Protein backbone atom coordinates (compact mmCIF):
# COMPACT_ATOMS: atom_id res chain seq x y z
CA MET A 1 -66.46 -31.40 6.07
CA PHE A 2 -67.09 -33.47 9.14
CA PHE A 3 -66.82 -36.71 7.20
CA LYS A 4 -63.40 -35.47 5.62
CA ALA A 5 -62.07 -34.59 9.02
CA LEU A 6 -63.10 -37.89 10.45
CA CYS A 7 -61.28 -39.67 7.48
CA ARG A 8 -58.24 -37.66 8.31
CA ILE A 9 -58.27 -38.58 11.89
CA SER A 10 -58.87 -42.29 11.07
CA LYS A 11 -55.95 -42.29 8.55
CA GLN A 12 -53.69 -40.69 11.17
CA THR A 13 -54.77 -43.22 13.81
CA VAL A 14 -54.10 -46.18 11.54
CA ALA A 15 -50.84 -44.83 10.55
CA LYS A 16 -49.72 -44.22 14.11
CA SER A 17 -50.93 -47.83 15.07
CA LEU A 18 -49.00 -49.37 12.18
CA ALA A 19 -45.83 -47.28 13.00
CA GLN A 20 -45.94 -48.61 16.65
CA SER A 21 -46.49 -52.24 15.66
CA SER A 22 -43.83 -52.25 13.00
CA ARG A 23 -41.03 -52.89 15.46
CA CYS A 24 -42.41 -56.47 16.01
CA LEU A 25 -44.06 -57.36 12.74
CA SER A 26 -42.57 -55.30 10.01
CA LEU A 27 -43.93 -55.54 6.55
CA SER A 28 -40.94 -56.41 4.58
CA ALA A 29 -40.26 -54.97 1.20
CA THR A 30 -38.75 -58.22 0.05
CA ASN A 31 -40.35 -59.50 -3.16
CA ASN A 32 -40.61 -62.98 -4.67
CA LYS A 33 -39.84 -64.94 -1.47
CA LYS A 34 -41.09 -68.28 -0.62
CA VAL A 35 -41.69 -69.21 2.95
CA ALA A 36 -42.41 -72.76 4.09
CA VAL A 37 -44.09 -73.58 7.37
CA LEU A 38 -43.47 -77.19 8.70
CA GLY A 39 -46.21 -78.12 11.13
CA ALA A 40 -48.69 -75.64 9.70
CA SER A 41 -51.78 -77.28 10.92
CA GLY A 42 -50.95 -77.05 14.64
CA GLY A 43 -51.64 -74.68 17.34
CA ILE A 44 -48.63 -72.61 16.45
CA GLY A 45 -48.53 -73.40 12.83
CA GLN A 46 -52.04 -71.94 11.91
CA PRO A 47 -51.71 -68.56 13.59
CA LEU A 48 -48.08 -68.29 12.50
CA SER A 49 -49.21 -68.93 8.88
CA LEU A 50 -52.01 -66.35 9.22
CA LEU A 51 -49.45 -63.72 10.32
CA LEU A 52 -47.14 -64.60 7.53
CA LYS A 53 -49.83 -64.33 4.99
CA GLN A 54 -50.26 -60.59 5.82
CA ASN A 55 -46.59 -59.93 4.88
CA PRO A 56 -46.72 -58.53 1.28
CA GLY A 57 -43.07 -59.55 0.77
CA VAL A 58 -44.17 -63.24 0.86
CA THR A 59 -44.98 -64.38 -2.66
CA GLU A 60 -45.53 -67.92 -1.90
CA LEU A 61 -46.53 -69.49 1.52
CA ALA A 62 -46.19 -73.31 1.33
CA LEU A 63 -47.75 -75.18 4.29
CA TYR A 64 -46.90 -78.72 5.29
CA ASP A 65 -48.27 -81.10 7.96
CA ILE A 66 -49.31 -84.76 8.32
CA MET A 67 -53.00 -83.85 8.34
CA HIS A 68 -55.48 -81.06 7.50
CA THR A 69 -53.02 -78.87 5.59
CA PRO A 70 -55.14 -78.51 2.39
CA GLY A 71 -57.93 -77.17 4.47
CA VAL A 72 -55.71 -74.69 6.28
CA ALA A 73 -54.31 -73.60 2.91
CA ALA A 74 -57.85 -73.17 1.38
CA ASP A 75 -58.83 -71.09 4.39
CA LEU A 76 -55.75 -68.76 4.19
CA SER A 77 -56.06 -68.44 0.51
CA HIS A 78 -59.32 -66.50 0.84
CA ILE A 79 -57.48 -63.63 2.51
CA ASP A 80 -56.93 -60.73 0.16
CA THR A 81 -53.14 -60.35 0.41
CA PRO A 82 -50.63 -61.26 -2.31
CA ALA A 83 -49.10 -64.59 -1.12
CA LYS A 84 -50.15 -67.69 -2.94
CA VAL A 85 -50.90 -70.43 -0.33
CA THR A 86 -50.27 -74.09 -1.16
CA GLY A 87 -51.03 -77.03 1.13
CA HIS A 88 -48.94 -80.16 1.28
CA MET A 89 -49.61 -83.42 3.31
CA GLY A 90 -47.50 -86.35 3.98
CA GLU A 91 -43.92 -87.49 2.93
CA ASP A 92 -44.78 -87.67 -0.75
CA GLU A 93 -45.52 -83.85 -0.87
CA ILE A 94 -42.78 -82.48 1.22
CA ALA A 95 -40.48 -81.94 -1.71
CA ASP A 96 -42.98 -79.75 -3.46
CA CYS A 97 -43.44 -77.76 -0.29
CA LEU A 98 -39.75 -77.04 0.21
CA LYS A 99 -38.34 -76.62 -3.34
CA GLY A 100 -37.40 -73.05 -3.92
CA ALA A 101 -38.00 -72.04 -0.34
CA ASP A 102 -36.09 -69.04 0.98
CA ILE A 103 -37.11 -69.38 4.62
CA VAL A 104 -38.42 -72.45 6.38
CA ILE A 105 -40.13 -72.06 9.79
CA MET A 106 -40.48 -75.21 11.77
CA PRO A 107 -43.08 -75.36 14.68
CA ALA A 108 -43.83 -79.07 14.08
CA GLY A 109 -44.09 -81.37 17.07
CA VAL A 110 -46.18 -82.10 20.16
CA PRO A 111 -47.01 -79.36 22.73
CA ARG A 112 -46.27 -79.46 26.41
CA LYS A 113 -48.93 -80.52 28.89
CA PRO A 114 -49.04 -79.79 32.59
CA GLY A 115 -46.18 -81.30 34.56
CA MET A 116 -44.00 -81.69 31.36
CA THR A 117 -40.76 -80.00 30.76
CA ARG A 118 -39.48 -79.14 27.34
CA ASP A 119 -37.09 -81.96 27.76
CA ASP A 120 -39.95 -84.31 28.25
CA LEU A 121 -40.94 -83.58 24.56
CA PHE A 122 -37.46 -84.82 23.42
CA ASN A 123 -38.20 -88.37 22.36
CA THR A 124 -41.13 -87.43 20.15
CA ASN A 125 -40.02 -84.11 18.75
CA ALA A 126 -36.39 -85.14 18.14
CA SER A 127 -37.50 -87.65 15.53
CA ILE A 128 -39.85 -85.08 13.86
CA VAL A 129 -37.02 -82.41 13.70
CA ALA A 130 -34.47 -84.77 12.40
CA GLY A 131 -36.85 -86.05 9.63
CA LEU A 132 -37.90 -82.58 8.55
CA SER A 133 -34.41 -81.32 8.72
CA LYS A 134 -33.23 -84.15 6.47
CA ALA A 135 -35.87 -83.03 3.99
CA CYS A 136 -34.80 -79.39 4.18
CA ALA A 137 -31.23 -80.39 3.68
CA THR A 138 -32.21 -82.34 0.52
CA HIS A 139 -34.74 -79.93 -1.12
CA CYS A 140 -33.73 -76.38 0.12
CA PRO A 141 -30.25 -76.59 1.59
CA SER A 142 -29.55 -72.80 1.42
CA ALA A 143 -32.78 -71.67 2.85
CA PHE A 144 -32.78 -69.92 6.33
CA LEU A 145 -34.12 -72.69 8.84
CA GLY A 146 -35.88 -71.22 11.89
CA ILE A 147 -36.73 -73.93 14.51
CA ILE A 148 -39.53 -73.43 17.02
CA SER A 149 -39.93 -77.27 17.87
CA ASN A 150 -38.95 -77.81 21.49
CA PRO A 151 -36.66 -78.45 23.24
CA VAL A 152 -34.85 -75.84 21.08
CA ASN A 153 -31.60 -76.40 23.07
CA SER A 154 -31.48 -79.85 21.67
CA THR A 155 -33.41 -79.55 18.35
CA VAL A 156 -31.07 -76.96 16.87
CA PRO A 157 -27.98 -79.19 17.36
CA ILE A 158 -30.11 -82.07 15.90
CA ALA A 159 -30.75 -80.02 12.73
CA SER A 160 -27.14 -78.91 12.54
CA GLU A 161 -25.91 -82.50 12.65
CA ILE A 162 -28.33 -83.63 10.14
CA TYR A 163 -27.19 -80.82 7.66
CA LYS A 164 -23.54 -81.77 8.40
CA LYS A 165 -24.34 -85.44 7.29
CA ALA A 166 -25.80 -84.20 4.09
CA GLY A 167 -22.77 -82.04 3.46
CA VAL A 168 -24.71 -78.76 3.31
CA TYR A 169 -24.25 -77.32 6.85
CA ASN A 170 -24.07 -73.46 7.05
CA PRO A 171 -24.26 -72.39 10.73
CA ASN A 172 -25.11 -68.91 9.81
CA ARG A 173 -28.50 -70.14 8.31
CA ILE A 174 -29.87 -72.27 11.07
CA PHE A 175 -31.66 -70.51 13.96
CA GLY A 176 -33.34 -71.54 17.20
CA ILE A 177 -36.18 -69.10 17.50
CA THR A 178 -36.07 -67.59 21.00
CA SER A 179 -37.94 -64.52 20.25
CA LEU A 180 -40.80 -65.43 22.54
CA ASP A 181 -38.50 -64.80 25.49
CA ILE A 182 -37.80 -61.26 24.25
CA VAL A 183 -41.55 -60.60 23.64
CA ARG A 184 -42.39 -61.88 27.14
CA ALA A 185 -39.63 -59.90 28.76
CA ASN A 186 -40.77 -56.75 26.95
CA ALA A 187 -44.38 -57.24 28.03
CA PHE A 188 -43.70 -58.06 31.62
CA ILE A 189 -41.23 -55.29 32.24
CA ALA A 190 -43.53 -52.58 30.59
CA GLU A 191 -46.46 -53.87 32.70
CA ALA A 192 -44.42 -53.81 35.87
CA ARG A 193 -43.12 -50.29 35.20
CA GLY A 194 -46.19 -48.78 33.50
CA LEU A 195 -44.25 -48.13 30.22
CA ASN A 196 -45.38 -48.20 26.75
CA VAL A 197 -44.60 -51.68 25.63
CA SER A 198 -43.84 -50.71 22.07
CA THR A 199 -40.82 -48.78 23.25
CA ILE A 200 -39.39 -51.60 25.38
CA ASN A 201 -36.45 -53.74 24.17
CA VAL A 202 -34.84 -56.41 26.39
CA PRO A 203 -32.01 -58.68 25.05
CA VAL A 204 -32.42 -62.30 26.23
CA ILE A 205 -29.53 -64.53 25.89
CA GLY A 206 -28.50 -68.10 26.76
CA GLY A 207 -31.02 -70.77 25.65
CA HIS A 208 -34.71 -71.39 25.49
CA ALA A 209 -35.66 -73.42 28.52
CA GLY A 210 -35.82 -72.65 32.29
CA ILE A 211 -32.58 -71.45 33.82
CA THR A 212 -30.92 -71.08 30.34
CA ILE A 213 -33.25 -68.11 29.62
CA ILE A 214 -31.22 -65.07 30.60
CA PRO A 215 -33.04 -61.76 30.32
CA VAL A 216 -30.34 -59.02 30.34
CA ILE A 217 -32.48 -56.43 32.19
CA SER A 218 -29.38 -54.27 32.82
CA ARG A 219 -29.43 -53.44 29.05
CA CYS A 220 -33.19 -52.83 28.71
CA SER A 221 -33.93 -49.85 26.56
CA PRO A 222 -35.29 -47.54 27.88
CA LYS A 223 -33.30 -47.99 31.15
CA VAL A 224 -35.23 -49.73 34.03
CA SER A 225 -34.25 -50.67 37.51
CA PHE A 226 -34.92 -53.86 39.37
CA GLU A 227 -33.10 -54.81 42.48
CA GLY A 228 -32.73 -57.79 44.93
CA ASP A 229 -35.89 -59.90 45.23
CA GLU A 230 -37.77 -57.90 42.54
CA LEU A 231 -35.06 -58.62 39.98
CA LYS A 232 -35.03 -62.32 40.95
CA ALA A 233 -38.79 -62.54 40.69
CA MET A 234 -38.96 -60.75 37.22
CA THR A 235 -36.10 -62.98 35.90
CA GLU A 236 -37.79 -66.08 37.11
CA ARG A 237 -41.07 -65.10 35.74
CA ILE A 238 -39.60 -64.65 32.37
CA GLN A 239 -37.76 -68.05 32.68
CA ASP A 240 -40.96 -69.89 33.74
CA ALA A 241 -43.48 -68.06 31.50
CA GLY A 242 -44.08 -71.10 29.35
CA THR A 243 -45.04 -73.09 32.43
CA GLU A 244 -47.30 -70.20 33.48
CA VAL A 245 -49.30 -70.69 30.16
CA VAL A 246 -49.40 -74.55 30.29
CA LYS A 247 -50.96 -74.34 33.91
CA ALA A 248 -53.42 -71.61 32.73
CA LYS A 249 -54.59 -73.72 29.83
CA ASP A 250 -55.11 -76.71 32.22
CA GLY A 251 -54.29 -79.42 29.73
CA ALA A 252 -55.41 -77.67 26.58
CA GLY A 253 -51.96 -76.89 25.26
CA SER A 254 -48.97 -74.61 25.64
CA ALA A 255 -48.11 -71.11 24.31
CA THR A 256 -49.43 -71.09 20.81
CA LEU A 257 -50.56 -67.59 20.04
CA SER A 258 -47.72 -65.78 21.59
CA MET A 259 -45.20 -68.21 20.03
CA ALA A 260 -46.84 -67.65 16.62
CA TYR A 261 -46.53 -63.95 17.04
CA ALA A 262 -42.85 -64.31 18.11
CA GLY A 263 -42.12 -66.69 15.37
CA ALA A 264 -43.63 -64.35 12.68
CA ARG A 265 -41.62 -61.43 14.12
CA PHE A 266 -38.48 -63.47 13.58
CA ALA A 267 -39.43 -64.67 10.09
CA ASN A 268 -40.28 -61.10 9.17
CA SER A 269 -36.73 -60.04 10.31
CA LEU A 270 -35.25 -62.77 8.17
CA LEU A 271 -37.24 -61.42 5.21
CA ASP A 272 -35.95 -57.92 5.91
CA ALA A 273 -32.37 -59.27 6.08
CA LEU A 274 -32.76 -61.04 2.82
CA ALA A 275 -33.94 -57.79 1.25
CA GLY A 276 -30.72 -56.19 2.35
CA LYS A 277 -32.26 -54.04 5.05
CA GLU A 278 -29.46 -52.77 7.34
CA GLY A 279 -29.46 -53.01 11.14
CA VAL A 280 -31.80 -56.01 11.50
CA VAL A 281 -30.96 -57.48 14.98
CA GLU A 282 -32.60 -60.38 16.69
CA CYS A 283 -31.69 -62.78 19.33
CA ALA A 284 -31.46 -66.50 18.42
CA PHE A 285 -29.95 -69.76 19.50
CA VAL A 286 -27.14 -70.46 17.07
CA ARG A 287 -23.74 -72.11 16.66
CA SER A 288 -21.27 -69.75 18.11
CA ASP A 289 -18.02 -69.36 20.23
CA VAL A 290 -19.29 -66.65 22.58
CA ALA A 291 -19.61 -68.94 25.51
CA SER A 292 -18.06 -72.35 26.71
CA VAL A 293 -20.71 -74.30 24.91
CA PRO A 294 -21.17 -74.64 21.08
CA TYR A 295 -24.55 -73.09 20.87
CA PHE A 296 -25.75 -70.01 22.62
CA SER A 297 -28.43 -67.31 22.10
CA THR A 298 -27.19 -63.69 21.70
CA GLN A 299 -28.16 -60.71 19.67
CA LEU A 300 -27.35 -61.23 16.00
CA LEU A 301 -26.92 -58.75 13.20
CA LEU A 302 -28.77 -60.39 10.28
CA GLY A 303 -27.95 -59.93 6.60
CA PRO A 304 -28.73 -61.68 3.13
CA GLU A 305 -26.41 -64.57 4.05
CA GLY A 306 -27.86 -65.10 7.55
CA VAL A 307 -25.75 -64.14 10.68
CA GLU A 308 -23.66 -61.27 9.47
CA LYS A 309 -22.18 -60.65 12.95
CA ASN A 310 -22.69 -62.21 16.41
CA LEU A 311 -22.99 -59.30 18.73
CA GLY A 312 -21.79 -61.56 21.65
CA LEU A 313 -22.68 -61.45 25.27
CA GLY A 314 -22.20 -57.72 25.61
CA GLU A 315 -21.84 -56.03 28.98
CA LEU A 316 -23.54 -58.00 31.83
CA SER A 317 -24.09 -57.23 35.47
CA ASP A 318 -22.63 -59.47 38.12
CA TYR A 319 -26.09 -60.98 38.59
CA GLU A 320 -26.38 -61.81 34.83
CA LYS A 321 -22.82 -63.25 34.71
CA GLN A 322 -23.86 -65.56 37.45
CA LEU A 323 -26.91 -66.60 35.49
CA VAL A 324 -24.71 -67.45 32.54
CA ASP A 325 -22.45 -69.61 34.67
CA ASN A 326 -25.42 -71.37 36.11
CA CYS A 327 -26.92 -72.20 32.80
CA ILE A 328 -23.91 -73.77 31.14
CA PRO A 329 -24.25 -77.26 32.60
CA GLU A 330 -27.86 -77.45 31.60
CA LEU A 331 -26.85 -76.27 28.05
CA GLU A 332 -24.09 -78.75 27.75
CA LYS A 333 -26.43 -81.62 28.63
CA SER A 334 -29.13 -80.56 26.24
CA ILE A 335 -26.73 -79.90 23.33
CA ALA A 336 -25.01 -83.22 23.85
CA LYS A 337 -28.30 -84.99 23.95
CA GLY A 338 -29.29 -83.52 20.52
CA GLU A 339 -26.00 -84.37 18.95
CA LYS A 340 -26.11 -87.91 20.27
CA PHE A 341 -29.59 -88.50 18.87
CA ALA A 342 -28.61 -87.05 15.47
CA ALA A 343 -25.56 -89.36 15.32
CA SER A 344 -27.82 -92.45 15.44
CA PHE A 345 -30.64 -91.10 13.18
């Protein structure tokens, strides 16, 4: 009797735990979906692929990188979840990786090191993103493309311009993944106010670098209150959180595990949207007309065709309106830089 009771308690505990975590990493009911990860052997790509392997809605997980991919694929293939894992390495194999993909997640590129900004990564990562975007436009033009590769404020415009050149551009299907900013805002605010982090939801709009990251704390659910210097300090911590990790790792890399978690959260939401689940809302950096720049991150209602509705800026406090105004020149510069690069690629 004791053993039966213990089993019941354990099952209840597991069920409760799964319910609490489902907000961030839902187990999609989508069937027969292929997800490709470009940059799958890297510090983000490996844990991201591990998390995606756990989604039963993923039928095939195709991994691509310039080295070590067959080993990563072999390792993941030993996990007892349904997704078939394939490893692809080098330009000769990227077509097989991408053909038939429903979703492509791109963490490829070099990580930040101490003293580097996301913009310092531009020269290297711009070429990588442009080349991989060209392959996606050729082999899976209708797939959802989620870009993690930094600087996102420039790499999303690069991908968009490459798709335009190929004649397959659909702005509703190309996303700059900014979910890490939301994940961080949720964690920091919950910690500061002693709240259950699984109940916190903070929209983050703008872009994905420094002052372009705008946490809309006034619309946090549940309602929280930060005023004056405390509000400024919380905002700046969320904006500078990436640098916080780079410094803490002391030359060993940037945010990889938290970015993998956030990337998987966004990919799983895309899977839910493809399955026709209603009410799937995520923030992402996309082509839009909600601000005076052509790309801006806002809350998006996702559906089977991608962005079903851009929910716009929403109601902002005076402080948040000023943050938006302050970020526009920086976004303009980053977007223009990406578009200029793509024009010459």
